[in-house]
Each structure stands twice: as structure tokens, then as C-alpha cells.
Amino acid sequence: MGHHEAPSTAGARRRRALLRAGLTVTAAGAALAGAGTAAAQAAPLPAPALGHSATADDLTAAAQGLTGSVGHAVGPLTGLRLDPLANTGVDPLTNGVGTQVADFKPVSTTAATGVLTSGAALKDLPLVGGATGALPTT
């Protein structure tokens, strides 16, 4: 029987339980101490007057702040290149397959991937590009 399979004694179990309890109490104390110092350093908020509610100006300012932050977060995403390997020799999207049946117009996969292999961004795609105009920009 290996050492890891040996039955543990009551004293060893008690020591492990006390160690776990001590570590839990220490972690809880550290969390409370950190929260207490952060609360002490924060400036006190003014108490709202009785009967005070949000006015239209408050709500308008909040809405403008929200739309401004969304524009700064989403705006740059529309200009990122979708294919990081575009215009390189190892771009797997440049491989195209085409066929032509009889005298019909030839069909190829390069029509679908051509925009991406040229290094286009989300706003440059034919179908999706128009929809990105609805997103706020910076």
C-alpha cells in the first residue's frame, strides 16, 4: 500500500481542518480589510434630498454618455481587417475554385472571398457594410 493510500489518523484530519479554517478566516479578514480601506478612501456621496427624482436633463445626460461610450467601443471594430493574412503569400482564402458548364457564365469562389483577400474591413463588405452605418462611430 502506498503512502497516499494509507488511512489518515484523527489527528491529521483535525490538523487539516484547522488549517483550512485558519486560511478561510485569514482570507475573509483580508477581504474585509481591503474593502474597509477602499470605502474609507472614497469620497462620500451627497445624500439625495427627500422627494428628489431623476429629471429629464439627468436622463438625457445619461443617454448621451451611454451612446458616446458605445461609439468609442464599437467604432474601431468596423475598421479592423477581417483576414489578418490578407495580401500575404500564405492566405488560404486566395485559393479559388471555379467551374464553367457549357456556355454559361463561369462560377468561382473568388467572388465571395475576393473582398476579404484584399484586406477589407467589416465596413467594406458588400452586404454587411451598409448595416455598419447604423453603428455609432467615434
N, C-alpha and C. Protein backbone atom coordinates (compact mmCIF):
# COMPACT_ATOMS: atom_id res chain seq x y z
N MET A 1 0.85 -1.16 0.00
CA MET A 1 0.00 0.00 0.00
C MET A 1 0.90 1.23 0.00
N GLY A 2 0.63 2.18 -0.90
CA GLY A 2 1.40 3.40 -0.99
C GLY A 2 1.04 4.37 0.12
N HIS A 3 1.88 5.37 0.28
CA HIS A 3 1.65 6.35 1.34
C HIS A 3 0.36 7.13 1.12
N HIS A 4 0.03 7.39 -0.15
CA HIS A 4 -1.19 8.13 -0.43
C HIS A 4 -2.45 7.31 -0.13
N GLU A 5 -2.30 6.00 -0.02
CA GLU A 5 -3.43 5.14 0.29
C GLU A 5 -3.56 4.83 1.77
N ALA A 6 -2.59 5.28 2.56
CA ALA A 6 -2.59 4.97 3.99
C ALA A 6 -3.76 5.68 4.67
N PRO A 7 -4.42 4.98 5.59
CA PRO A 7 -5.53 5.64 6.28
C PRO A 7 -5.00 6.78 7.14
N SER A 8 -5.70 7.91 7.10
CA SER A 8 -5.24 9.05 7.87
C SER A 8 -5.72 8.94 9.31
N THR A 9 -4.94 9.48 10.20
CA THR A 9 -5.29 9.41 11.61
C THR A 9 -6.22 10.56 11.94
N ALA A 10 -6.87 10.48 13.09
CA ALA A 10 -7.78 11.53 13.51
C ALA A 10 -7.03 12.83 13.75
N GLY A 11 -5.81 12.76 14.22
CA GLY A 11 -5.02 13.97 14.47
C GLY A 11 -4.67 14.68 13.18
N ALA A 12 -4.34 13.91 12.13
CA ALA A 12 -4.01 14.52 10.85
C ALA A 12 -5.23 15.18 10.24
N ARG A 13 -6.39 14.54 10.35
CA ARG A 13 -7.62 15.14 9.83
C ARG A 13 -7.95 16.43 10.58
N ARG A 14 -7.75 16.43 11.90
CA ARG A 14 -8.03 17.61 12.72
C ARG A 14 -7.10 18.76 12.33
N ARG A 15 -5.81 18.45 12.11
CA ARG A 15 -4.85 19.50 11.72
C ARG A 15 -5.23 20.10 10.36
N ARG A 16 -5.63 19.24 9.42
CA ARG A 16 -6.04 19.75 8.11
C ARG A 16 -7.28 20.63 8.22
N ALA A 17 -8.24 20.22 9.04
CA ALA A 17 -9.46 21.01 9.22
C ALA A 17 -9.13 22.36 9.86
N LEU A 18 -8.25 22.37 10.85
CA LEU A 18 -7.87 23.63 11.49
C LEU A 18 -7.10 24.52 10.51
N LEU A 19 -6.25 23.92 9.70
CA LEU A 19 -5.51 24.70 8.70
C LEU A 19 -6.46 25.33 7.69
N ARG A 20 -7.44 24.56 7.22
CA ARG A 20 -8.42 25.10 6.27
C ARG A 20 -9.23 26.22 6.90
N ALA A 21 -9.65 26.03 8.14
CA ALA A 21 -10.43 27.06 8.82
C ALA A 21 -9.61 28.32 9.02
N GLY A 22 -8.33 28.17 9.38
CA GLY A 22 -7.46 29.32 9.55
C GLY A 22 -7.24 30.08 8.26
N LEU A 23 -7.06 29.35 7.16
CA LEU A 23 -6.87 30.01 5.87
C LEU A 23 -8.14 30.73 5.44
N THR A 24 -9.29 30.15 5.70
CA THR A 24 -10.56 30.79 5.35
C THR A 24 -10.76 32.08 6.13
N VAL A 25 -10.47 32.03 7.44
CA VAL A 25 -10.61 33.22 8.27
C VAL A 25 -9.63 34.30 7.84
N THR A 26 -8.41 33.91 7.49
CA THR A 26 -7.41 34.88 7.04
C THR A 26 -7.84 35.54 5.74
N ALA A 27 -8.34 34.75 4.79
CA ALA A 27 -8.79 35.32 3.52
C ALA A 27 -9.98 36.25 3.71
N ALA A 28 -10.91 35.86 4.57
CA ALA A 28 -12.06 36.72 4.82
C ALA A 28 -11.63 38.02 5.49
N GLY A 29 -10.68 37.96 6.43
CA GLY A 29 -10.19 39.17 7.09
C GLY A 29 -9.48 40.10 6.11
N ALA A 30 -8.69 39.52 5.21
CA ALA A 30 -8.01 40.35 4.22
C ALA A 30 -9.01 41.02 3.28
N ALA A 31 -10.05 40.30 2.90
CA ALA A 31 -11.06 40.89 2.02
C ALA A 31 -11.80 42.02 2.73
N LEU A 32 -12.14 41.82 3.99
CA LEU A 32 -12.83 42.87 4.74
C LEU A 32 -11.93 44.08 4.96
N ALA A 33 -10.66 43.85 5.23
CA ALA A 33 -9.73 44.96 5.44
C ALA A 33 -9.56 45.77 4.16
N GLY A 34 -9.46 45.07 3.02
CA GLY A 34 -9.33 45.77 1.74
C GLY A 34 -10.57 46.56 1.41
N ALA A 35 -11.73 46.01 1.68
CA ALA A 35 -12.97 46.73 1.42
C ALA A 35 -13.11 47.92 2.35
N GLY A 36 -12.66 47.78 3.58
CA GLY A 36 -12.75 48.88 4.53
C GLY A 36 -11.87 50.04 4.15
N THR A 37 -10.65 49.77 3.67
CA THR A 37 -9.76 50.87 3.28
C THR A 37 -10.25 51.54 2.01
N ALA A 38 -10.82 50.76 1.10
CA ALA A 38 -11.35 51.36 -0.13
C ALA A 38 -12.55 52.24 0.18
N ALA A 39 -13.38 51.81 1.10
CA ALA A 39 -14.54 52.61 1.47
C ALA A 39 -14.13 53.88 2.21
N ALA A 40 -13.06 53.79 3.00
CA ALA A 40 -12.60 54.96 3.75
C ALA A 40 -11.99 56.00 2.81
N GLN A 41 -11.37 55.55 1.72
CA GLN A 41 -10.72 56.47 0.79
C GLN A 41 -11.71 57.11 -0.17
N ALA A 42 -12.84 56.49 -0.40
CA ALA A 42 -13.82 57.01 -1.35
C ALA A 42 -14.48 58.25 -0.76
N ALA A 43 -14.73 59.21 -1.63
CA ALA A 43 -15.39 60.44 -1.18
C ALA A 43 -16.86 60.13 -0.90
N PRO A 44 -17.40 60.68 0.17
CA PRO A 44 -18.81 60.40 0.47
C PRO A 44 -19.72 61.04 -0.57
N LEU A 45 -20.74 60.31 -0.96
CA LEU A 45 -21.70 60.83 -1.92
C LEU A 45 -22.70 61.73 -1.20
N PRO A 46 -23.12 62.81 -1.85
CA PRO A 46 -24.11 63.67 -1.19
C PRO A 46 -25.43 62.93 -1.06
N ALA A 47 -26.08 63.13 0.03
CA ALA A 47 -27.36 62.47 0.26
C ALA A 47 -28.42 63.13 -0.60
N PRO A 48 -29.24 62.34 -1.28
CA PRO A 48 -30.29 62.93 -2.10
C PRO A 48 -31.35 63.57 -1.22
N ALA A 49 -31.89 64.66 -1.72
CA ALA A 49 -32.95 65.34 -0.98
C ALA A 49 -34.21 64.48 -1.01
N LEU A 50 -35.01 64.63 -0.01
CA LEU A 50 -36.24 63.85 0.04
C LEU A 50 -37.15 64.27 -1.11
N GLY A 51 -37.72 63.29 -1.78
CA GLY A 51 -38.63 63.57 -2.88
C GLY A 51 -37.91 63.90 -4.18
N HIS A 52 -36.58 63.81 -4.24
CA HIS A 52 -35.82 64.13 -5.45
C HIS A 52 -35.85 62.92 -6.38
N SER A 53 -36.16 63.15 -7.64
CA SER A 53 -36.12 62.08 -8.62
C SER A 53 -35.34 62.57 -9.83
N ALA A 54 -35.02 61.65 -10.70
CA ALA A 54 -34.25 61.99 -11.89
C ALA A 54 -35.07 62.89 -12.80
N THR A 55 -34.44 63.96 -13.26
CA THR A 55 -35.11 64.88 -14.17
C THR A 55 -34.81 64.48 -15.60
N ALA A 56 -35.45 65.14 -16.53
CA ALA A 56 -35.22 64.86 -17.95
C ALA A 56 -33.79 65.19 -18.33
N ASP A 57 -33.21 66.23 -17.71
CA ASP A 57 -31.82 66.58 -18.01
C ASP A 57 -30.88 65.48 -17.55
N ASP A 58 -31.15 64.89 -16.38
CA ASP A 58 -30.32 63.80 -15.88
C ASP A 58 -30.38 62.61 -16.82
N LEU A 59 -31.56 62.27 -17.27
CA LEU A 59 -31.71 61.12 -18.15
C LEU A 59 -31.10 61.39 -19.52
N THR A 60 -31.20 62.61 -20.01
CA THR A 60 -30.59 62.96 -21.30
C THR A 60 -29.07 62.86 -21.21
N ALA A 61 -28.50 63.35 -20.13
CA ALA A 61 -27.06 63.28 -19.95
C ALA A 61 -26.59 61.83 -19.85
N ALA A 62 -27.36 61.00 -19.17
CA ALA A 62 -27.01 59.58 -19.06
C ALA A 62 -27.07 58.90 -20.42
N ALA A 63 -28.07 59.21 -21.21
CA ALA A 63 -28.20 58.60 -22.54
C ALA A 63 -27.07 59.05 -23.45
N GLN A 64 -26.68 60.32 -23.37
CA GLN A 64 -25.57 60.80 -24.20
C GLN A 64 -24.26 60.13 -23.79
N GLY A 65 -24.06 59.95 -22.52
CA GLY A 65 -22.85 59.26 -22.06
C GLY A 65 -22.81 57.82 -22.53
N LEU A 66 -23.95 57.15 -22.51
CA LEU A 66 -24.00 55.77 -22.95
C LEU A 66 -23.74 55.66 -24.44
N THR A 67 -24.38 56.49 -25.25
CA THR A 67 -24.17 56.40 -26.70
C THR A 67 -22.75 56.80 -27.07
N GLY A 68 -22.17 57.73 -26.36
CA GLY A 68 -20.79 58.11 -26.64
C GLY A 68 -19.82 56.99 -26.34
N SER A 69 -20.05 56.29 -25.24
CA SER A 69 -19.14 55.20 -24.89
C SER A 69 -19.31 54.02 -25.83
N VAL A 70 -20.52 53.76 -26.28
CA VAL A 70 -20.73 52.67 -27.23
C VAL A 70 -20.04 53.00 -28.54
N GLY A 71 -20.10 54.24 -28.96
CA GLY A 71 -19.42 54.63 -30.20
C GLY A 71 -17.92 54.45 -30.12
N HIS A 72 -17.34 54.78 -28.99
CA HIS A 72 -15.90 54.61 -28.82
C HIS A 72 -15.52 53.14 -28.73
N ALA A 73 -16.42 52.29 -28.25
CA ALA A 73 -16.10 50.87 -28.12
C ALA A 73 -16.33 50.12 -29.43
N VAL A 74 -17.38 50.45 -30.17
CA VAL A 74 -17.75 49.69 -31.36
C VAL A 74 -17.16 50.29 -32.63
N GLY A 75 -16.97 51.58 -32.66
CA GLY A 75 -16.49 52.25 -33.87
C GLY A 75 -15.20 51.67 -34.44
N PRO A 76 -14.16 51.47 -33.65
CA PRO A 76 -12.92 50.92 -34.21
C PRO A 76 -13.06 49.50 -34.71
N LEU A 77 -14.04 48.74 -34.22
CA LEU A 77 -14.18 47.36 -34.65
C LEU A 77 -14.60 47.26 -36.11
N THR A 78 -15.29 48.26 -36.62
CA THR A 78 -15.73 48.19 -38.01
C THR A 78 -14.57 48.43 -38.98
N GLY A 79 -13.46 48.98 -38.50
CA GLY A 79 -12.33 49.26 -39.38
C GLY A 79 -11.22 48.22 -39.31
N LEU A 80 -11.36 47.20 -38.47
CA LEU A 80 -10.33 46.17 -38.37
C LEU A 80 -10.36 45.25 -39.57
N ARG A 81 -9.18 44.82 -40.02
CA ARG A 81 -9.11 43.86 -41.11
C ARG A 81 -9.65 42.52 -40.65
N LEU A 82 -10.51 41.91 -41.46
CA LEU A 82 -11.10 40.64 -41.09
C LEU A 82 -10.17 39.47 -41.34
N ASP A 83 -9.33 39.57 -42.34
CA ASP A 83 -8.41 38.49 -42.66
C ASP A 83 -6.99 38.99 -42.38
N PRO A 84 -6.40 38.57 -41.26
CA PRO A 84 -5.06 39.06 -40.93
C PRO A 84 -3.99 38.61 -41.91
N LEU A 85 -4.26 37.57 -42.67
CA LEU A 85 -3.29 37.08 -43.64
C LEU A 85 -3.50 37.65 -45.03
N ALA A 86 -4.37 38.65 -45.17
CA ALA A 86 -4.66 39.23 -46.48
C ALA A 86 -3.40 39.85 -47.08
N ASN A 87 -3.29 39.74 -48.38
CA ASN A 87 -2.16 40.27 -49.15
C ASN A 87 -0.83 39.64 -48.75
N THR A 88 -0.86 38.41 -48.27
CA THR A 88 0.36 37.67 -47.97
C THR A 88 0.38 36.42 -48.83
N GLY A 89 1.51 35.78 -48.89
CA GLY A 89 1.62 34.57 -49.70
C GLY A 89 1.00 33.35 -49.06
N VAL A 90 0.63 33.42 -47.82
CA VAL A 90 0.08 32.25 -47.13
C VAL A 90 -1.40 32.38 -46.82
N ASP A 91 -2.09 33.29 -47.46
CA ASP A 91 -3.51 33.50 -47.21
C ASP A 91 -4.31 32.34 -47.81
N PRO A 92 -5.00 31.55 -46.97
CA PRO A 92 -5.75 30.41 -47.53
C PRO A 92 -7.00 30.82 -48.30
N LEU A 93 -7.47 32.05 -48.14
CA LEU A 93 -8.67 32.48 -48.85
C LEU A 93 -8.39 32.87 -50.30
N THR A 94 -7.12 32.99 -50.67
CA THR A 94 -6.82 33.34 -52.06
C THR A 94 -6.97 32.15 -52.99
N ASN A 95 -7.04 30.96 -52.44
CA ASN A 95 -7.25 29.78 -53.27
C ASN A 95 -8.70 29.77 -53.72
N GLY A 96 -8.90 29.76 -55.00
CA GLY A 96 -10.25 29.78 -55.52
C GLY A 96 -10.53 28.56 -56.36
N VAL A 97 -11.80 28.20 -56.43
CA VAL A 97 -12.25 27.09 -57.26
C VAL A 97 -13.31 27.64 -58.20
N GLY A 98 -13.17 27.32 -59.46
CA GLY A 98 -14.13 27.82 -60.43
C GLY A 98 -14.55 26.73 -61.39
N THR A 99 -15.68 26.92 -62.01
CA THR A 99 -16.16 25.97 -63.00
C THR A 99 -17.02 26.70 -64.02
N GLN A 100 -17.14 26.08 -65.19
CA GLN A 100 -18.00 26.62 -66.23
C GLN A 100 -18.67 25.45 -66.92
N VAL A 101 -19.98 25.54 -66.99
CA VAL A 101 -20.75 24.48 -67.64
C VAL A 101 -21.26 25.03 -68.97
N ALA A 102 -20.88 24.33 -70.03
CA ALA A 102 -21.29 24.69 -71.38
C ALA A 102 -20.97 26.15 -71.66
N ASP A 103 -21.93 26.91 -72.13
CA ASP A 103 -21.66 28.31 -72.45
C ASP A 103 -22.23 29.26 -71.40
N PHE A 104 -22.51 28.74 -70.18
CA PHE A 104 -22.98 29.60 -69.10
C PHE A 104 -21.82 30.41 -68.53
N LYS A 105 -22.17 31.40 -67.79
CA LYS A 105 -21.18 32.25 -67.15
C LYS A 105 -20.39 31.43 -66.12
N PRO A 106 -19.05 31.57 -66.06
CA PRO A 106 -18.28 30.79 -65.09
C PRO A 106 -18.59 31.21 -63.65
N VAL A 107 -18.54 30.24 -62.74
CA VAL A 107 -18.79 30.47 -61.33
C VAL A 107 -17.51 30.17 -60.57
N SER A 108 -17.17 31.06 -59.62
CA SER A 108 -15.92 30.89 -58.87
C SER A 108 -16.12 31.31 -57.42
N THR A 109 -15.31 30.73 -56.55
CA THR A 109 -15.38 31.11 -55.13
C THR A 109 -14.63 32.41 -54.87
N THR A 110 -13.84 32.87 -55.79
CA THR A 110 -13.10 34.12 -55.57
C THR A 110 -14.03 35.33 -55.52
N ALA A 111 -15.22 35.21 -56.06
CA ALA A 111 -16.17 36.32 -55.96
C ALA A 111 -16.61 36.52 -54.52
N ALA A 112 -16.68 35.45 -53.75
CA ALA A 112 -17.09 35.55 -52.36
C ALA A 112 -15.94 35.95 -51.44
N THR A 113 -14.74 35.49 -51.74
CA THR A 113 -13.60 35.76 -50.86
C THR A 113 -12.71 36.88 -51.35
N GLY A 114 -12.98 37.42 -52.52
CA GLY A 114 -12.11 38.45 -53.08
C GLY A 114 -12.01 39.70 -52.23
N VAL A 115 -13.11 40.11 -51.63
CA VAL A 115 -13.11 41.31 -50.79
C VAL A 115 -12.25 41.08 -49.56
N LEU A 116 -12.33 39.90 -48.97
CA LEU A 116 -11.54 39.60 -47.77
C LEU A 116 -10.05 39.48 -48.08
N THR A 117 -9.70 38.87 -49.22
CA THR A 117 -8.29 38.68 -49.53
C THR A 117 -7.60 39.99 -49.90
N SER A 118 -8.36 41.03 -50.18
CA SER A 118 -7.74 42.31 -50.46
C SER A 118 -7.51 43.12 -49.19
N GLY A 119 -7.86 42.56 -48.03
CA GLY A 119 -7.62 43.24 -46.76
C GLY A 119 -8.76 44.13 -46.32
N ALA A 120 -9.98 43.77 -46.67
CA ALA A 120 -11.14 44.59 -46.35
C ALA A 120 -11.51 44.49 -44.88
N ALA A 121 -12.19 45.52 -44.42
CA ALA A 121 -12.71 45.55 -43.05
C ALA A 121 -14.20 45.25 -43.09
N LEU A 122 -14.81 45.21 -41.91
CA LEU A 122 -16.24 44.91 -41.81
C LEU A 122 -17.07 45.94 -42.56
N LYS A 123 -16.67 47.20 -42.50
CA LYS A 123 -17.44 48.25 -43.18
C LYS A 123 -17.31 48.19 -44.69
N ASP A 124 -16.31 47.45 -45.23
CA ASP A 124 -16.08 47.35 -46.67
C ASP A 124 -16.81 46.19 -47.32
N LEU A 125 -17.41 45.29 -46.54
CA LEU A 125 -18.09 44.14 -47.11
C LEU A 125 -19.36 44.59 -47.83
N PRO A 126 -19.70 43.93 -48.94
CA PRO A 126 -20.82 44.39 -49.74
C PRO A 126 -22.17 44.37 -49.02
N LEU A 127 -22.53 43.31 -48.35
CA LEU A 127 -23.85 43.23 -47.72
C LEU A 127 -23.85 43.77 -46.30
N VAL A 128 -22.79 43.54 -45.57
CA VAL A 128 -22.74 43.94 -44.16
C VAL A 128 -22.30 45.39 -44.01
N GLY A 129 -21.57 45.92 -44.96
CA GLY A 129 -21.05 47.28 -44.86
C GLY A 129 -22.13 48.33 -44.67
N GLY A 130 -23.25 48.18 -45.34
CA GLY A 130 -24.34 49.13 -45.18
C GLY A 130 -24.96 49.08 -43.80
N ALA A 131 -24.98 47.90 -43.21
CA ALA A 131 -25.56 47.75 -41.87
C ALA A 131 -24.66 48.36 -40.81
N THR A 132 -23.36 48.41 -41.06
CA THR A 132 -22.46 49.00 -40.06
C THR A 132 -22.62 50.51 -39.98
N GLY A 133 -23.28 51.11 -40.97
CA GLY A 133 -23.55 52.54 -40.90
C GLY A 133 -24.49 52.90 -39.77
N ALA A 134 -25.27 51.93 -39.31
CA ALA A 134 -26.19 52.18 -38.19
C ALA A 134 -25.47 52.19 -36.85
N LEU A 135 -24.25 51.62 -36.81
CA LEU A 135 -23.48 51.62 -35.57
C LEU A 135 -22.90 52.99 -35.31
N PRO A 136 -22.83 53.39 -34.05
CA PRO A 136 -22.22 54.70 -33.75
C PRO A 136 -20.73 54.66 -34.02
N THR A 137 -20.17 55.77 -34.47
CA THR A 137 -18.74 55.86 -34.74
C THR A 137 -18.12 56.89 -33.81
N THR A 138 -16.81 56.81 -33.73
CA THR A 138 -16.09 57.74 -32.86
C THR A 138 -15.89 59.05 -33.53
